[in-house]
Amino acid sequence: MERVNDPGAPSPTEVISAWIPHDARFRESALRHAVGDTSGRRLHVYVDSLVNRANDDGSPLSEYDLRTMAAVREDLDRRPLTSVDWRAVRERLVAGLF
């Protein structure tokens, strides 16, 4: 059975916050986009490019990375990345850097 907007599912912010700070493949690039932009807009653009465009700063994703993005989209449960609190994700990502 398909789960659509399961009320018990983690929020989009929780999904991205649990994933991107801990995924070594994308963490450094995500940090580069997050450090100088407290609004989180650059981080949003970077993650959207990964998840929805299969692109990592101009490079196509590998088959393995594409499976990761499919899992992220599934965890988002069809909710858009625009509903993510990008400031909260950024804070979690840069925690401990300063």
PDB file of N, CA and C in Angstrom:
ATOM      1  N   MET A   1       0.845  -1.188   0.000  1.00  0.00           N
ATOM      2  CA  MET A   1       0.000   0.000   0.000  1.00  0.00           C
ATOM      3  C   MET A   1       0.885   1.243   0.000  1.00  0.00           C
ATOM      4  N   GLU A   2       0.493   2.223  -0.745  1.00  0.00           N
ATOM      5  CA  GLU A   2       1.254   3.459  -0.871  1.00  0.00           C
ATOM      6  C   GLU A   2       0.955   4.381   0.303  1.00  0.00           C
ATOM      7  N   ARG A   3       2.009   4.946   0.868  1.00  0.00           N
ATOM      8  CA  ARG A   3       1.815   5.907   1.955  1.00  0.00           C
ATOM      9  C   ARG A   3       1.939   7.312   1.392  1.00  0.00           C
ATOM     10  N   VAL A   4       0.934   8.090   1.528  1.00  0.00           N
ATOM     11  CA  VAL A   4       0.958   9.463   1.046  1.00  0.00           C
ATOM     12  C   VAL A   4       0.637  10.361   2.219  1.00  0.00           C
ATOM     13  N   ASN A   5       1.593  11.218   2.522  1.00  0.00           N
ATOM     14  CA  ASN A   5       1.446  12.169   3.621  1.00  0.00           C
ATOM     15  C   ASN A   5       1.020  11.491   4.917  1.00  0.00           C
ATOM     16  N   ASP A   6       1.732  10.447   5.271  1.00  0.00           N
ATOM     17  CA  ASP A   6       1.530   9.720   6.517  1.00  0.00           C
ATOM     18  C   ASP A   6       1.762  10.683   7.680  1.00  0.00           C
ATOM     19  N   PRO A   7       0.756  10.903   8.529  1.00  0.00           N
ATOM     20  CA  PRO A   7       0.923  11.858   9.627  1.00  0.00           C
ATOM     21  C   PRO A   7       2.005  11.439  10.624  1.00  0.00           C
ATOM     22  N   GLY A   8       2.365  10.162  10.652  1.00  0.00           N
ATOM     23  CA  GLY A   8       3.408   9.695  11.546  1.00  0.00           C
ATOM     24  C   GLY A   8       4.801   9.761  10.946  1.00  0.00           C
ATOM     25  N   ALA A   9       4.882  10.131   9.674  1.00  0.00           N
ATOM     26  CA  ALA A   9       6.174  10.205   8.990  1.00  0.00           C
ATOM     27  C   ALA A   9       6.942  11.437   9.455  1.00  0.00           C
ATOM     28  N   PRO A  10       8.270  11.377   9.378  1.00  0.00           N
ATOM     29  CA  PRO A  10       9.054  12.565   9.736  1.00  0.00           C
ATOM     30  C   PRO A  10       8.765  13.708   8.772  1.00  0.00           C
ATOM     31  N   SER A  11       8.904  14.920   9.279  1.00  0.00           N
ATOM     32  CA  SER A  11       8.688  16.091   8.439  1.00  0.00           C
ATOM     33  C   SER A  11       9.809  16.179   7.401  1.00  0.00           C
ATOM     34  N   PRO A  12       9.592  16.928   6.317  1.00  0.00           N
ATOM     35  CA  PRO A  12      10.665  17.122   5.342  1.00  0.00           C
ATOM     36  C   PRO A  12      11.946  17.689   5.973  1.00  0.00           C
ATOM     37  N   THR A  13      11.800  18.580   6.929  1.00  0.00           N
ATOM     38  CA  THR A  13      12.974  19.130   7.622  1.00  0.00           C
ATOM     39  C   THR A  13      13.713  18.026   8.364  1.00  0.00           C
ATOM     40  N   GLU A  14      12.980  17.147   9.027  1.00  0.00           N
ATOM     41  CA  GLU A  14      13.607  16.035   9.745  1.00  0.00           C
ATOM     42  C   GLU A  14      14.300  15.077   8.782  1.00  0.00           C
ATOM     43  N   VAL A  15      13.681  14.814   7.640  1.00  0.00           N
ATOM     44  CA  VAL A  15      14.276  13.906   6.651  1.00  0.00           C
ATOM     45  C   VAL A  15      15.613  14.460   6.178  1.00  0.00           C
ATOM     46  N   ILE A  16      15.635  15.711   5.765  1.00  0.00           N
ATOM     47  CA  ILE A  16      16.864  16.301   5.221  1.00  0.00           C
ATOM     48  C   ILE A  16      17.906  16.493   6.319  1.00  0.00           C
ATOM     49  N   SER A  17      17.471  16.907   7.512  1.00  0.00           N
ATOM     50  CA  SER A  17      18.405  17.090   8.632  1.00  0.00           C
ATOM     51  C   SER A  17      19.043  15.786   9.073  1.00  0.00           C
ATOM     52  N   ALA A  18      18.326  14.698   8.933  1.00  0.00           N
ATOM     53  CA  ALA A  18      18.869  13.394   9.315  1.00  0.00           C
ATOM     54  C   ALA A  18      19.785  12.831   8.235  1.00  0.00           C
ATOM     55  N   TRP A  19      19.632  13.281   7.015  1.00  0.00           N
ATOM     56  CA  TRP A  19      20.399  12.728   5.906  1.00  0.00           C
ATOM     57  C   TRP A  19      21.662  13.522   5.582  1.00  0.00           C
ATOM     58  N   ILE A  20      21.514  14.755   5.147  1.00  0.00           N
ATOM     59  CA  ILE A  20      22.631  15.483   4.526  1.00  0.00           C
ATOM     60  C   ILE A  20      23.818  15.716   5.469  1.00  0.00           C
ATOM     61  N   PRO A  21      23.638  15.998   6.749  1.00  0.00           N
ATOM     62  CA  PRO A  21      24.825  16.193   7.590  1.00  0.00           C
ATOM     63  C   PRO A  21      25.639  14.914   7.801  1.00  0.00           C
ATOM     64  N   HIS A  22      25.027  13.767   7.540  1.00  0.00           N
ATOM     65  CA  HIS A  22      25.692  12.495   7.831  1.00  0.00           C
ATOM     66  C   HIS A  22      26.119  11.724   6.599  1.00  0.00           C
ATOM     67  N   ASP A  23      25.841  12.230   5.427  1.00  0.00           N
ATOM     68  CA  ASP A  23      26.204  11.530   4.197  1.00  0.00           C
ATOM     69  C   ASP A  23      27.531  12.095   3.687  1.00  0.00           C
ATOM     70  N   ALA A  24      28.595  11.331   3.889  1.00  0.00           N
ATOM     71  CA  ALA A  24      29.943  11.803   3.553  1.00  0.00           C
ATOM     72  C   ALA A  24      30.098  12.162   2.079  1.00  0.00           C
ATOM     73  N   ARG A  25      29.297  11.551   1.213  1.00  0.00           N
ATOM     74  CA  ARG A  25      29.415  11.838  -0.222  1.00  0.00           C
ATOM     75  C   ARG A  25      29.047  13.269  -0.545  1.00  0.00           C
ATOM     76  N   PHE A  26      28.137  13.856   0.222  1.00  0.00           N
ATOM     77  CA  PHE A  26      27.610  15.179  -0.120  1.00  0.00           C
ATOM     78  C   PHE A  26      27.848  16.228   0.960  1.00  0.00           C
ATOM     79  N   ARG A  27      28.349  15.823   2.110  1.00  0.00           N
ATOM     80  CA  ARG A  27      28.489  16.727   3.251  1.00  0.00           C
ATOM     81  C   ARG A  27      29.376  17.931   2.950  1.00  0.00           C
ATOM     82  N   GLU A  28      30.556  17.710   2.378  1.00  0.00           N
ATOM     83  CA  GLU A  28      31.479  18.829   2.127  1.00  0.00           C
ATOM     84  C   GLU A  28      30.882  19.857   1.162  1.00  0.00           C
ATOM     85  N   SER A  29      30.259  19.389   0.097  1.00  0.00           N
ATOM     86  CA  SER A  29      29.618  20.324  -0.840  1.00  0.00           C
ATOM     87  C   SER A  29      28.470  21.052  -0.167  1.00  0.00           C
ATOM     88  N   ALA A  30      27.687  20.337   0.608  1.00  0.00           N
ATOM     89  CA  ALA A  30      26.578  20.968   1.331  1.00  0.00           C
ATOM     90  C   ALA A  30      27.103  22.040   2.275  1.00  0.00           C
ATOM     91  N   LEU A  31      28.194  21.745   2.969  1.00  0.00           N
ATOM     92  CA  LEU A  31      28.796  22.740   3.864  1.00  0.00           C
ATOM     93  C   LEU A  31      29.236  23.972   3.104  1.00  0.00           C
ATOM     94  N   ARG A  32      29.857  23.784   1.942  1.00  0.00           N
ATOM     95  CA  ARG A  32      30.280  24.935   1.130  1.00  0.00           C
ATOM     96  C   ARG A  32      29.094  25.830   0.792  1.00  0.00           C
ATOM     97  N   HIS A  33      27.973  25.240   0.500  1.00  0.00           N
ATOM     98  CA  HIS A  33      26.785  26.018   0.147  1.00  0.00           C
ATOM     99  C   HIS A  33      26.134  26.645   1.374  1.00  0.00           C
ATOM    100  N   ALA A  34      26.329  26.055   2.523  1.00  0.00           N
ATOM    101  CA  ALA A  34      25.643  26.508   3.731  1.00  0.00           C
ATOM    102  C   ALA A  34      26.402  27.553   4.530  1.00  0.00           C
ATOM    103  N   VAL A  35      27.717  27.470   4.560  1.00  0.00           N
ATOM    104  CA  VAL A  35      28.510  28.292   5.471  1.00  0.00           C
ATOM    105  C   VAL A  35      28.285  29.789   5.277  1.00  0.00           C
ATOM    106  N   GLY A  36      28.310  30.269   4.074  1.00  0.00           N
ATOM    107  CA  GLY A  36      28.207  31.706   3.840  1.00  0.00           C
ATOM    108  C   GLY A  36      26.790  32.224   3.656  1.00  0.00           C
ATOM    109  N   ASP A  37      25.794  31.384   3.831  1.00  0.00           N
ATOM    110  CA  ASP A  37      24.408  31.786   3.565  1.00  0.00           C
ATOM    111  C   ASP A  37      23.516  31.360   4.725  1.00  0.00           C
ATOM    112  N   THR A  38      23.304  32.256   5.664  1.00  0.00           N
ATOM    113  CA  THR A  38      22.509  31.922   6.846  1.00  0.00           C
ATOM    114  C   THR A  38      21.034  31.678   6.534  1.00  0.00           C
ATOM    115  N   SER A  39      20.573  32.119   5.369  1.00  0.00           N
ATOM    116  CA  SER A  39      19.167  31.904   5.005  1.00  0.00           C
ATOM    117  C   SER A  39      18.896  30.453   4.610  1.00  0.00           C
ATOM    118  N   GLY A  40      19.935  29.742   4.185  1.00  0.00           N
ATOM    119  CA  GLY A  40      19.775  28.365   3.731  1.00  0.00           C
ATOM    120  C   GLY A  40      19.368  28.235   2.280  1.00  0.00           C
ATOM    121  N   ARG A  41      19.240  29.347   1.559  1.00  0.00           N
ATOM    122  CA  ARG A  41      18.807  29.290   0.154  1.00  0.00           C
ATOM    123  C   ARG A  41      19.780  28.516  -0.734  1.00  0.00           C
ATOM    124  N   ARG A  42      21.064  28.769  -0.557  1.00  0.00           N
ATOM    125  CA  ARG A  42      22.062  28.057  -1.379  1.00  0.00           C
ATOM    126  C   ARG A  42      22.056  26.568  -1.073  1.00  0.00           C
ATOM    127  N   LEU A  43      21.870  26.213   0.186  1.00  0.00           N
ATOM    128  CA  LEU A  43      21.779  24.806   0.570  1.00  0.00           C
ATOM    129  C   LEU A  43      20.555  24.173  -0.068  1.00  0.00           C
ATOM    130  N   HIS A  44      19.440  24.891  -0.065  1.00  0.00           N
ATOM    131  CA  HIS A  44      18.219  24.395  -0.694  1.00  0.00           C
ATOM    132  C   HIS A  44      18.455  24.100  -2.172  1.00  0.00           C
ATOM    133  N   VAL A  45      19.077  25.035  -2.876  1.00  0.00           N
ATOM    134  CA  VAL A  45      19.333  24.848  -4.302  1.00  0.00           C
ATOM    135  C   VAL A  45      20.224  23.627  -4.524  1.00  0.00           C
ATOM    136  N   TYR A  46      21.249  23.477  -3.692  1.00  0.00           N
ATOM    137  CA  TYR A  46      22.155  22.334  -3.826  1.00  0.00           C
ATOM    138  C   TYR A  46      21.416  21.013  -3.602  1.00  0.00           C
ATOM    139  N   VAL A  47      20.651  20.924  -2.524  1.00  0.00           N
ATOM    140  CA  VAL A  47      19.944  19.675  -2.207  1.00  0.00           C
ATOM    141  C   VAL A  47      18.861  19.396  -3.248  1.00  0.00           C
ATOM    142  N   ASP A  48      18.160  20.418  -3.695  1.00  0.00           N
ATOM    143  CA  ASP A  48      17.157  20.230  -4.741  1.00  0.00           C
ATOM    144  C   ASP A  48      17.810  19.672  -6.007  1.00  0.00           C
ATOM    145  N   SER A  49      18.989  20.171  -6.332  1.00  0.00           N
ATOM    146  CA  SER A  49      19.709  19.671  -7.499  1.00  0.00           C
ATOM    147  C   SER A  49      20.064  18.191  -7.331  1.00  0.00           C
ATOM    148  N   LEU A  50      20.477  17.808  -6.134  1.00  0.00           N
ATOM    149  CA  LEU A  50      20.772  16.397  -5.865  1.00  0.00           C
ATOM    150  C   LEU A  50      19.530  15.533  -5.989  1.00  0.00           C
ATOM    151  N   VAL A  51      18.514  15.901  -5.245  1.00  0.00           N
ATOM    152  CA  VAL A  51      17.329  15.056  -5.084  1.00  0.00           C
ATOM    153  C   VAL A  51      16.449  15.031  -6.330  1.00  0.00           C
ATOM    154  N   ASN A  52      16.248  16.175  -6.947  1.00  0.00           N
ATOM    155  CA  ASN A  52      15.280  16.262  -8.042  1.00  0.00           C
ATOM    156  C   ASN A  52      15.881  16.369  -9.437  1.00  0.00           C
ATOM    157  N   ARG A  53      17.188  16.638  -9.524  1.00  0.00           N
ATOM    158  CA  ARG A  53      17.799  16.823 -10.842  1.00  0.00           C
ATOM    159  C   ARG A  53      18.974  15.872 -11.090  1.00  0.00           C
ATOM    160  N   ALA A  54      19.283  15.010 -10.094  1.00  0.00           N
ATOM    161  CA  ALA A  54      20.362  14.014 -10.213  1.00  0.00           C
ATOM    162  C   ALA A  54      21.682  14.664 -10.604  1.00  0.00           C
ATOM    163  N   ASN A  55      21.979  15.802  -9.964  1.00  0.00           N
ATOM    164  CA  ASN A  55      23.147  16.583 -10.304  1.00  0.00           C
ATOM    165  C   ASN A  55      23.850  17.030  -9.031  1.00  0.00           C
ATOM    166  N   ASP A  56      25.159  16.809  -8.961  1.00  0.00           N
ATOM    167  CA  ASP A  56      25.958  17.222  -7.809  1.00  0.00           C
ATOM    168  C   ASP A  56      26.953  18.288  -8.253  1.00  0.00           C
ATOM    169  N   ASP A  57      26.564  19.524  -8.135  1.00  0.00           N
ATOM    170  CA  ASP A  57      27.406  20.661  -8.544  1.00  0.00           C
ATOM    171  C   ASP A  57      27.970  20.483  -9.948  1.00  0.00           C
ATOM    172  N   GLY A  58      27.100  20.100 -10.879  1.00  0.00           N
ATOM    173  CA  GLY A  58      27.491  19.982 -12.275  1.00  0.00           C
ATOM    174  C   GLY A  58      27.864  18.583 -12.724  1.00  0.00           C
ATOM    175  N   SER A  59      27.949  17.656 -11.799  1.00  0.00           N
ATOM    176  CA  SER A  59      28.292  16.276 -12.154  1.00  0.00           C
ATOM    177  C   SER A  59      27.080  15.370 -11.993  1.00  0.00           C
ATOM    178  N   PRO A  60      26.858  14.493 -12.949  1.00  0.00           N
ATOM    179  CA  PRO A  60      25.742  13.555 -12.813  1.00  0.00           C
ATOM    180  C   PRO A  60      26.004  12.579 -11.663  1.00  0.00           C
ATOM    181  N   LEU A  61      24.936  12.127 -11.044  1.00  0.00           N
ATOM    182  CA  LEU A  61      25.054  11.190  -9.935  1.00  0.00           C
ATOM    183  C   LEU A  61      25.289   9.773 -10.433  1.00  0.00           C
ATOM    184  N   SER A  62      25.980   8.992  -9.633  1.00  0.00           N
ATOM    185  CA  SER A  62      26.201   7.580  -9.948  1.00  0.00           C
ATOM    186  C   SER A  62      24.909   6.797  -9.702  1.00  0.00           C
ATOM    187  N   GLU A  63      24.891   5.568 -10.165  1.00  0.00           N
ATOM    188  CA  GLU A  63      23.715   4.713  -9.932  1.00  0.00           C
ATOM    189  C   GLU A  63      23.435   4.575  -8.437  1.00  0.00           C
ATOM    190  N   TYR A  64      24.483   4.399  -7.641  1.00  0.00           N
ATOM    191  CA  TYR A  64      24.328   4.273  -6.197  1.00  0.00           C
ATOM    192  C   TYR A  64      23.710   5.550  -5.613  1.00  0.00           C
ATOM    193  N   ASP A  65      24.227   6.697  -6.036  1.00  0.00           N
ATOM    194  CA  ASP A  65      23.700   7.975  -5.556  1.00  0.00           C
ATOM    195  C   ASP A  65      22.250   8.185  -5.991  1.00  0.00           C
ATOM    196  N   LEU A  66      21.911   7.729  -7.189  1.00  0.00           N
ATOM    197  CA  LEU A  66      20.524   7.832  -7.653  1.00  0.00           C
ATOM    198  C   LEU A  66      19.587   7.020  -6.759  1.00  0.00           C
ATOM    199  N   ARG A  67      20.053   5.861  -6.298  1.00  0.00           N
ATOM    200  CA  ARG A  67      19.229   5.064  -5.372  1.00  0.00           C
ATOM    201  C   ARG A  67      19.054   5.790  -4.046  1.00  0.00           C
ATOM    202  N   THR A  68      20.103   6.478  -3.600  1.00  0.00           N
ATOM    203  CA  THR A  68      19.995   7.275  -2.373  1.00  0.00           C
ATOM    204  C   THR A  68      18.946   8.364  -2.536  1.00  0.00           C
ATOM    205  N   MET A  69      18.970   9.059  -3.688  1.00  0.00           N
ATOM    206  CA  MET A  69      18.002  10.136  -3.917  1.00  0.00           C
ATOM    207  C   MET A  69      16.585   9.584  -4.002  1.00  0.00           C
ATOM    208  N   ALA A  70      16.413   8.407  -4.571  1.00  0.00           N
ATOM    209  CA  ALA A  70      15.088   7.780  -4.607  1.00  0.00           C
ATOM    210  C   ALA A  70      14.606   7.491  -3.192  1.00  0.00           C
ATOM    211  N   ALA A  71      15.510   7.055  -2.323  1.00  0.00           N
ATOM    212  CA  ALA A  71      15.143   6.792  -0.926  1.00  0.00           C
ATOM    213  C   ALA A  71      14.783   8.086  -0.207  1.00  0.00           C
ATOM    214  N   VAL A  72      15.513   9.153  -0.482  1.00  0.00           N
ATOM    215  CA  VAL A  72      15.200  10.451   0.128  1.00  0.00           C
ATOM    216  C   VAL A  72      13.815  10.910  -0.334  1.00  0.00           C
ATOM    217  N   ARG A  73      13.545  10.808  -1.628  1.00  0.00           N
ATOM    218  CA  ARG A  73      12.218  11.207  -2.140  1.00  0.00           C
ATOM    219  C   ARG A  73      11.111  10.369  -1.490  1.00  0.00           C
ATOM    220  N   GLU A  74      11.375   9.084  -1.318  1.00  0.00           N
ATOM    221  CA  GLU A  74      10.381   8.226  -0.659  1.00  0.00           C
ATOM    222  C   GLU A  74      10.165   8.672   0.785  1.00  0.00           C
ATOM    223  N   ASP A  75      11.243   8.985   1.489  1.00  0.00           N
ATOM    224  CA  ASP A  75      11.120   9.455   2.868  1.00  0.00           C
ATOM    225  C   ASP A  75      10.383  10.783   2.951  1.00  0.00           C
ATOM    226  N   LEU A  76      10.513  11.603   1.919  1.00  0.00           N
ATOM    227  CA  LEU A  76       9.792  12.879   1.891  1.00  0.00           C
ATOM    228  C   LEU A  76       8.295  12.668   1.700  1.00  0.00           C
ATOM    229  N   ASP A  77       7.919  11.495   1.245  1.00  0.00           N
ATOM    230  CA  ASP A  77       6.501  11.144   1.099  1.00  0.00           C
ATOM    231  C   ASP A  77       5.749  12.151   0.225  1.00  0.00           C
ATOM    232  N   ARG A  78       6.372  12.498  -0.909  1.00  0.00           N
ATOM    233  CA  ARG A  78       5.793  13.421  -1.900  1.00  0.00           C
ATOM    234  C   ARG A  78       5.665  14.860  -1.423  1.00  0.00           C
ATOM    235  N   ARG A  79       6.247  15.164  -0.296  1.00  0.00           N
ATOM    236  CA  ARG A  79       6.226  16.554   0.179  1.00  0.00           C
ATOM    237  C   ARG A  79       7.414  17.282  -0.440  1.00  0.00           C
ATOM    238  N   PRO A  80       7.241  18.536  -0.808  1.00  0.00           N
ATOM    239  CA  PRO A  80       8.290  19.259  -1.536  1.00  0.00           C
ATOM    240  C   PRO A  80       9.423  19.737  -0.624  1.00  0.00           C
ATOM    241  N   LEU A  81      10.574  19.921  -1.234  1.00  0.00           N
ATOM    242  CA  LEU A  81      11.710  20.470  -0.496  1.00  0.00           C
ATOM    243  C   LEU A  81      11.462  21.921  -0.080  1.00  0.00           C
ATOM    244  N   THR A  82      10.538  22.576  -0.729  1.00  0.00           N
ATOM    245  CA  THR A  82      10.231  23.964  -0.339  1.00  0.00           C
ATOM    246  C   THR A  82       9.621  24.032   1.052  1.00  0.00           C
ATOM    247  N   SER A  83       9.120  22.898   1.552  1.00  0.00           N
ATOM    248  CA  SER A  83       8.539  22.903   2.895  1.00  0.00           C
ATOM    249  C   SER A  83       9.581  22.640   3.983  1.00  0.00           C
ATOM    250  N   VAL A  84      10.834  22.457   3.601  1.00  0.00           N
ATOM    251  CA  VAL A  84      11.921  22.243   4.555  1.00  0.00           C
ATOM    252  C   VAL A  84      12.304  23.568   5.204  1.00  0.00           C
ATOM    253  N   ASP A  85      12.582  23.545   6.487  1.00  0.00           N
ATOM    254  CA  ASP A  85      13.122  24.711   7.180  1.00  0.00           C
ATOM    255  C   ASP A  85      14.633  24.683   6.944  1.00  0.00           C
ATOM    256  N   TRP A  86      15.088  25.369   5.918  1.00  0.00           N
ATOM    257  CA  TRP A  86      16.482  25.313   5.499  1.00  0.00           C
ATOM    258  C   TRP A  86      17.420  25.936   6.504  1.00  0.00           C
ATOM    259  N   ARG A  87      16.952  26.876   7.298  1.00  0.00           N
ATOM    260  CA  ARG A  87      17.798  27.442   8.360  1.00  0.00           C
ATOM    261  C   ARG A  87      18.104  26.381   9.408  1.00  0.00           C
ATOM    262  N   ALA A  88      17.100  25.577   9.747  1.00  0.00           N
ATOM    263  CA  ALA A  88      17.303  24.502  10.732  1.00  0.00           C
ATOM    264  C   ALA A  88      18.267  23.446  10.191  1.00  0.00           C
ATOM    265  N   VAL A  89      18.117  23.093   8.917  1.00  0.00           N
ATOM    266  CA  VAL A  89      19.027  22.117   8.302  1.00  0.00           C
ATOM    267  C   VAL A  89      20.438  22.680   8.294  1.00  0.00           C
ATOM    268  N   ARG A  90      20.564  23.941   7.920  1.00  0.00           N
ATOM    269  CA  ARG A  90      21.883  24.579   7.891  1.00  0.00           C
ATOM    270  C   ARG A  90      22.517  24.566   9.269  1.00  0.00           C
ATOM    271  N   GLU A  91      21.749  24.916  10.299  1.00  0.00           N
ATOM    272  CA  GLU A  91      22.283  24.924  11.660  1.00  0.00           C
ATOM    273  C   GLU A  91      22.811  23.559  12.051  1.00  0.00           C
ATOM    274  N   ARG A  92      22.067  22.525  11.723  1.00  0.00           N
ATOM    275  CA  ARG A  92      22.500  21.168  12.053  1.00  0.00           C
ATOM    276  C   ARG A  92      23.767  20.799  11.280  1.00  0.00           C
ATOM    277  N   LEU A  93      23.820  21.209  10.039  1.00  0.00           N
ATOM    278  CA  LEU A  93      24.965  20.901   9.185  1.00  0.00           C
ATOM    279  C   LEU A  93      26.234  21.580   9.659  1.00  0.00           C
ATOM    280  N   VAL A  94      26.151  22.830  10.049  1.00  0.00           N
ATOM    281  CA  VAL A  94      27.343  23.582  10.440  1.00  0.00           C
ATOM    282  C   VAL A  94      27.644  23.495  11.932  1.00  0.00           C
ATOM    283  N   ALA A  95      26.818  22.821  12.695  1.00  0.00           N
ATOM    284  CA  ALA A  95      27.038  22.684  14.141  1.00  0.00           C
ATOM    285  C   ALA A  95      28.451  22.159  14.401  1.00  0.00           C
ATOM    286  N   GLY A  96      29.139  22.835  15.282  1.00  0.00           N
ATOM    287  CA  GLY A  96      30.473  22.403  15.640  1.00  0.00           C
ATOM    288  C   GLY A  96      31.586  22.988  14.780  1.00  0.00           C
ATOM    289  N   LEU A  97      31.237  23.688  13.704  1.00  0.00           N
ATOM    290  CA  LEU A  97      32.276  24.276  12.856  1.00  0.00           C
ATOM    291  C   LEU A  97      32.857  25.565  13.452  1.00  0.00           C
ATOM    292  N   PHE A  98      32.013  26.275  14.179  1.00  0.00           N
ATOM    293  CA  PHE A  98      32.460  27.598  14.665  1.00  0.00           C
ATOM    294  C   PHE A  98      32.631  27.578  16.172  1.00  0.00           C
TER     295      PHE A  98
END
